[in-house]
Amino acid sequence: MGNASHTGTTRDTGLHVCPSCTSPLVQPVCWEQTEERGHWHLWRRCPECSWQGDGVHDDLQIDAYDLELDSGTETLAVDLQQIARENMERMAETFVAALDADLITAEDFA
């Protein structure tokens, strides 16, 4: 599946870091448990440079990667909530300004 294989650099930087461009946004594409207990074959992709790679990693590496993915998900959720709040505030301010300027009437809702 990939155009690169597992490199030793992931042990030092984490599976979430791209070995090509060092982006911390590497995403899992596919995984499967290997015949060796406690090891997973993992395919990953970087959304920044399109690097793809795969390799076999132990439970400790996978657990650390999972924590990074969870942290990234939490960050995205918080950012999304903030953006949605800011958008709603702007829409409300625009609506109030339109009401104050008599640009909206009851006919607009009929």
N, C-alpha and C. Protein backbone atom coordinates (compact mmCIF):
# COMPACT_ATOMS: atom_id res chain seq x y z
N MET A 1 0.80 -1.19 0.00
CA MET A 1 0.00 0.00 0.00
C MET A 1 0.84 1.25 0.00
N GLY A 2 2.00 1.28 0.61
CA GLY A 2 2.76 2.51 0.73
C GLY A 2 3.92 2.59 -0.22
N ASN A 3 4.48 3.78 -0.29
CA ASN A 3 5.66 3.97 -1.11
C ASN A 3 6.90 4.11 -0.24
N ALA A 4 6.73 3.88 1.04
CA ALA A 4 7.86 3.89 1.96
C ALA A 4 7.53 2.92 3.08
N SER A 5 8.55 2.39 3.67
CA SER A 5 8.31 1.46 4.77
C SER A 5 8.69 2.10 6.08
N HIS A 6 8.44 1.37 7.13
CA HIS A 6 8.75 1.83 8.49
C HIS A 6 10.22 2.20 8.58
N THR A 7 10.49 3.35 9.19
CA THR A 7 11.87 3.74 9.42
C THR A 7 12.09 3.88 10.92
N GLY A 8 13.32 3.82 11.33
CA GLY A 8 13.66 3.93 12.74
C GLY A 8 13.32 5.28 13.33
N THR A 9 13.11 6.30 12.51
CA THR A 9 12.84 7.63 13.03
C THR A 9 11.54 7.70 13.81
N THR A 10 10.58 6.81 13.53
CA THR A 10 9.32 6.88 14.25
C THR A 10 9.49 6.53 15.71
N ARG A 11 10.49 5.74 16.06
CA ARG A 11 10.72 5.44 17.47
C ARG A 11 11.13 6.69 18.24
N ASP A 12 11.84 7.60 17.57
CA ASP A 12 12.30 8.80 18.24
C ASP A 12 11.26 9.91 18.22
N THR A 13 10.45 9.98 17.15
CA THR A 13 9.53 11.09 17.00
C THR A 13 8.08 10.73 17.19
N GLY A 14 7.72 9.50 17.13
CA GLY A 14 6.34 9.08 17.26
C GLY A 14 5.72 8.79 15.90
N LEU A 15 4.75 7.91 15.90
CA LEU A 15 4.11 7.50 14.67
C LEU A 15 3.27 8.62 14.05
N HIS A 16 2.96 9.65 14.82
CA HIS A 16 2.16 10.76 14.32
C HIS A 16 2.99 11.77 13.52
N VAL A 17 4.31 11.62 13.53
CA VAL A 17 5.20 12.56 12.83
C VAL A 17 5.63 11.96 11.50
N CYS A 18 5.49 12.76 10.44
CA CYS A 18 5.86 12.30 9.10
C CYS A 18 7.39 12.23 8.97
N PRO A 19 7.91 11.09 8.53
CA PRO A 19 9.36 10.98 8.34
C PRO A 19 9.84 11.77 7.12
N SER A 20 8.94 12.23 6.28
CA SER A 20 9.32 12.98 5.09
C SER A 20 9.34 14.48 5.33
N CYS A 21 8.23 15.02 5.89
CA CYS A 21 8.13 16.48 6.05
C CYS A 21 8.04 16.92 7.51
N THR A 22 8.05 16.01 8.45
CA THR A 22 7.97 16.21 9.90
C THR A 22 6.63 16.79 10.37
N SER A 23 5.61 16.74 9.54
CA SER A 23 4.28 17.17 9.97
C SER A 23 3.81 16.25 11.11
N PRO A 24 3.19 16.81 12.15
CA PRO A 24 2.68 15.98 13.24
C PRO A 24 1.26 15.48 13.00
N LEU A 25 0.85 15.41 11.74
CA LEU A 25 -0.54 15.08 11.42
C LEU A 25 -0.71 13.74 10.71
N VAL A 26 0.25 12.83 10.82
CA VAL A 26 0.17 11.55 10.11
C VAL A 26 -1.03 10.76 10.63
N GLN A 27 -1.80 10.24 9.69
CA GLN A 27 -3.06 9.57 10.01
C GLN A 27 -2.98 8.08 9.69
N PRO A 28 -3.65 7.26 10.50
CA PRO A 28 -3.71 5.84 10.18
C PRO A 28 -4.66 5.62 9.00
N VAL A 29 -4.29 4.71 8.12
CA VAL A 29 -5.13 4.37 6.98
C VAL A 29 -5.74 2.99 7.18
N CYS A 30 -4.93 2.07 7.68
CA CYS A 30 -5.38 0.69 7.88
C CYS A 30 -4.46 0.04 8.90
N TRP A 31 -4.98 -0.92 9.62
CA TRP A 31 -4.14 -1.66 10.56
C TRP A 31 -4.70 -3.07 10.71
N GLU A 32 -3.81 -3.96 11.05
CA GLU A 32 -4.22 -5.33 11.34
C GLU A 32 -3.22 -5.95 12.30
N GLN A 33 -3.72 -6.81 13.15
CA GLN A 33 -2.85 -7.48 14.11
C GLN A 33 -2.01 -8.51 13.37
N THR A 34 -0.74 -8.60 13.73
CA THR A 34 0.15 -9.58 13.10
C THR A 34 0.03 -10.91 13.85
N GLU A 35 0.70 -11.90 13.31
CA GLU A 35 0.71 -13.21 13.98
C GLU A 35 1.45 -13.15 15.31
N GLU A 36 2.39 -12.20 15.41
CA GLU A 36 3.14 -12.03 16.65
C GLU A 36 2.31 -11.20 17.63
N ARG A 37 1.97 -11.77 18.73
CA ARG A 37 1.13 -11.11 19.73
C ARG A 37 1.74 -9.77 20.16
N GLY A 38 0.90 -8.76 20.27
CA GLY A 38 1.37 -7.45 20.71
C GLY A 38 1.98 -6.60 19.61
N HIS A 39 1.81 -7.01 18.37
CA HIS A 39 2.36 -6.24 17.24
C HIS A 39 1.27 -6.01 16.20
N TRP A 40 1.33 -4.84 15.58
CA TRP A 40 0.34 -4.43 14.61
C TRP A 40 1.02 -3.97 13.32
N HIS A 41 0.45 -4.37 12.20
CA HIS A 41 0.89 -3.84 10.91
C HIS A 41 0.03 -2.61 10.67
N LEU A 42 0.68 -1.48 10.52
CA LEU A 42 -0.01 -0.20 10.43
C LEU A 42 0.37 0.53 9.15
N TRP A 43 -0.63 0.98 8.42
CA TRP A 43 -0.41 1.82 7.24
C TRP A 43 -0.79 3.23 7.61
N ARG A 44 0.08 4.18 7.24
CA ARG A 44 -0.14 5.58 7.61
C ARG A 44 0.01 6.48 6.38
N ARG A 45 -0.55 7.69 6.49
CA ARG A 45 -0.46 8.67 5.41
C ARG A 45 -0.35 10.07 6.00
N CYS A 46 0.48 10.89 5.36
CA CYS A 46 0.63 12.28 5.77
C CYS A 46 -0.26 13.16 4.88
N PRO A 47 -1.15 13.95 5.47
CA PRO A 47 -2.01 14.81 4.67
C PRO A 47 -1.27 16.04 4.13
N GLU A 48 -0.11 16.32 4.67
CA GLU A 48 0.65 17.50 4.24
C GLU A 48 1.44 17.24 2.96
N CYS A 49 2.17 16.13 2.90
CA CYS A 49 3.05 15.87 1.75
C CYS A 49 2.66 14.61 0.98
N SER A 50 1.61 13.93 1.42
CA SER A 50 1.10 12.70 0.80
C SER A 50 2.03 11.50 0.97
N TRP A 51 2.99 11.58 1.88
CA TRP A 51 3.83 10.43 2.19
C TRP A 51 2.92 9.30 2.66
N GLN A 52 3.27 8.09 2.27
CA GLN A 52 2.57 6.90 2.74
C GLN A 52 3.60 5.87 3.18
N GLY A 53 3.31 5.17 4.22
CA GLY A 53 4.23 4.15 4.69
C GLY A 53 3.52 3.13 5.53
N ASP A 54 4.18 2.03 5.73
CA ASP A 54 3.63 1.00 6.59
C ASP A 54 4.75 0.35 7.35
N GLY A 55 4.38 -0.29 8.42
CA GLY A 55 5.37 -0.98 9.23
C GLY A 55 4.69 -1.75 10.35
N VAL A 56 5.47 -2.55 11.04
CA VAL A 56 4.97 -3.31 12.17
C VAL A 56 5.44 -2.62 13.44
N HIS A 57 4.51 -2.41 14.34
CA HIS A 57 4.79 -1.66 15.57
C HIS A 57 4.23 -2.41 16.76
N ASP A 58 4.89 -2.24 17.90
CA ASP A 58 4.45 -2.93 19.10
C ASP A 58 3.34 -2.15 19.81
N ASP A 59 2.76 -2.79 20.83
CA ASP A 59 1.65 -2.18 21.55
C ASP A 59 2.01 -0.83 22.17
N LEU A 60 3.23 -0.68 22.67
CA LEU A 60 3.63 0.59 23.28
C LEU A 60 3.60 1.72 22.25
N GLN A 61 4.12 1.47 21.06
CA GLN A 61 4.11 2.48 20.00
C GLN A 61 2.68 2.80 19.57
N ILE A 62 1.86 1.77 19.43
CA ILE A 62 0.47 1.96 19.02
C ILE A 62 -0.30 2.73 20.09
N ASP A 63 -0.07 2.41 21.36
CA ASP A 63 -0.74 3.12 22.45
C ASP A 63 -0.34 4.59 22.46
N ALA A 64 0.94 4.88 22.25
CA ALA A 64 1.41 6.27 22.20
C ALA A 64 0.79 7.00 21.01
N TYR A 65 0.70 6.33 19.87
CA TYR A 65 0.08 6.90 18.68
C TYR A 65 -1.40 7.19 18.94
N ASP A 66 -2.07 6.25 19.59
CA ASP A 66 -3.48 6.42 19.91
C ASP A 66 -3.70 7.64 20.81
N LEU A 67 -2.81 7.85 21.77
CA LEU A 67 -2.91 9.03 22.64
C LEU A 67 -2.75 10.31 21.83
N GLU A 68 -1.82 10.31 20.87
CA GLU A 68 -1.63 11.49 20.01
C GLU A 68 -2.87 11.73 19.15
N LEU A 69 -3.45 10.65 18.62
CA LEU A 69 -4.66 10.79 17.82
C LEU A 69 -5.81 11.34 18.66
N ASP A 70 -5.95 10.83 19.90
CA ASP A 70 -6.99 11.33 20.80
C ASP A 70 -6.79 12.81 21.11
N SER A 71 -5.55 13.19 21.36
CA SER A 71 -5.24 14.59 21.65
C SER A 71 -5.59 15.48 20.45
N GLY A 72 -5.25 15.01 19.25
CA GLY A 72 -5.57 15.77 18.04
C GLY A 72 -7.07 15.90 17.84
N THR A 73 -7.80 14.83 18.12
CA THR A 73 -9.25 14.87 18.00
C THR A 73 -9.85 15.87 18.98
N GLU A 74 -9.33 15.87 20.20
CA GLU A 74 -9.82 16.81 21.21
C GLU A 74 -9.53 18.25 20.79
N THR A 75 -8.35 18.49 20.27
CA THR A 75 -7.99 19.83 19.81
C THR A 75 -8.92 20.28 18.69
N LEU A 76 -9.19 19.39 17.74
CA LEU A 76 -10.10 19.73 16.64
C LEU A 76 -11.51 20.02 17.15
N ALA A 77 -11.98 19.24 18.11
CA ALA A 77 -13.32 19.44 18.65
C ALA A 77 -13.43 20.80 19.35
N VAL A 78 -12.42 21.15 20.12
CA VAL A 78 -12.41 22.44 20.81
C VAL A 78 -12.37 23.58 19.79
N ASP A 79 -11.52 23.45 18.77
CA ASP A 79 -11.43 24.48 17.73
C ASP A 79 -12.75 24.62 16.98
N LEU A 80 -13.38 23.50 16.65
CA LEU A 80 -14.66 23.53 15.95
C LEU A 80 -15.72 24.22 16.79
N GLN A 81 -15.76 23.92 18.06
CA GLN A 81 -16.72 24.54 18.96
C GLN A 81 -16.50 26.06 19.02
N GLN A 82 -15.26 26.49 19.09
CA GLN A 82 -14.93 27.91 19.13
C GLN A 82 -15.33 28.60 17.83
N ILE A 83 -15.05 27.98 16.70
CA ILE A 83 -15.41 28.56 15.41
C ILE A 83 -16.93 28.66 15.27
N ALA A 84 -17.63 27.62 15.68
CA ALA A 84 -19.10 27.64 15.60
C ALA A 84 -19.66 28.74 16.48
N ARG A 85 -19.11 28.91 17.67
CA ARG A 85 -19.57 29.97 18.59
C ARG A 85 -19.33 31.35 17.97
N GLU A 86 -18.13 31.55 17.41
CA GLU A 86 -17.83 32.84 16.78
C GLU A 86 -18.74 33.12 15.59
N ASN A 87 -19.03 32.09 14.79
CA ASN A 87 -19.93 32.27 13.66
C ASN A 87 -21.34 32.64 14.12
N MET A 88 -21.82 31.98 15.16
CA MET A 88 -23.16 32.29 15.68
C MET A 88 -23.21 33.71 16.23
N GLU A 89 -22.16 34.13 16.91
CA GLU A 89 -22.11 35.49 17.44
C GLU A 89 -22.16 36.51 16.31
N ARG A 90 -21.39 36.26 15.23
CA ARG A 90 -21.40 37.18 14.09
C ARG A 90 -22.77 37.21 13.42
N MET A 91 -23.40 36.04 13.28
CA MET A 91 -24.72 36.01 12.67
C MET A 91 -25.74 36.76 13.54
N ALA A 92 -25.66 36.60 14.85
CA ALA A 92 -26.57 37.31 15.75
C ALA A 92 -26.34 38.82 15.68
N GLU A 93 -25.09 39.22 15.67
CA GLU A 93 -24.77 40.66 15.57
C GLU A 93 -25.28 41.24 14.25
N THR A 94 -25.13 40.49 13.17
CA THR A 94 -25.61 40.94 11.87
C THR A 94 -27.12 41.04 11.87
N PHE A 95 -27.79 40.06 12.46
CA PHE A 95 -29.25 40.07 12.54
C PHE A 95 -29.74 41.26 13.36
N VAL A 96 -29.11 41.51 14.50
CA VAL A 96 -29.50 42.64 15.35
C VAL A 96 -29.27 43.95 14.60
N ALA A 97 -28.16 44.07 13.91
CA ALA A 97 -27.89 45.29 13.15
C ALA A 97 -28.94 45.48 12.05
N ALA A 98 -29.34 44.41 11.41
CA ALA A 98 -30.37 44.50 10.37
C ALA A 98 -31.71 44.89 10.98
N LEU A 99 -32.04 44.36 12.15
CA LEU A 99 -33.27 44.75 12.83
C LEU A 99 -33.23 46.23 13.22
N ASP A 100 -32.11 46.67 13.78
CA ASP A 100 -31.96 48.07 14.19
C ASP A 100 -32.08 49.02 13.00
N ALA A 101 -31.65 48.60 11.84
CA ALA A 101 -31.70 49.43 10.64
C ALA A 101 -33.02 49.25 9.88
N ASP A 102 -33.97 48.55 10.47
CA ASP A 102 -35.27 48.28 9.85
C ASP A 102 -35.14 47.61 8.49
N LEU A 103 -34.15 46.75 8.36
CA LEU A 103 -33.96 46.01 7.10
C LEU A 103 -34.74 44.70 7.09
N ILE A 104 -35.23 44.30 8.27
CA ILE A 104 -35.99 43.07 8.40
C ILE A 104 -37.37 43.42 8.96
N THR A 105 -38.38 42.91 8.30
CA THR A 105 -39.75 43.17 8.75
C THR A 105 -40.46 41.83 8.95
N ALA A 106 -41.67 41.90 9.47
CA ALA A 106 -42.47 40.68 9.68
C ALA A 106 -42.72 39.97 8.37
N GLU A 107 -42.79 40.69 7.28
CA GLU A 107 -43.02 40.09 5.97
C GLU A 107 -41.89 39.13 5.56
N ASP A 108 -40.70 39.37 6.08
CA ASP A 108 -39.57 38.49 5.77
C ASP A 108 -39.76 37.08 6.33
N PHE A 109 -40.67 36.93 7.28
CA PHE A 109 -40.89 35.63 7.93
C PHE A 109 -42.21 34.99 7.52
N ALA A 110 -42.93 35.63 6.62
CA ALA A 110 -44.25 35.11 6.19
C ALA A 110 -44.11 34.05 5.13
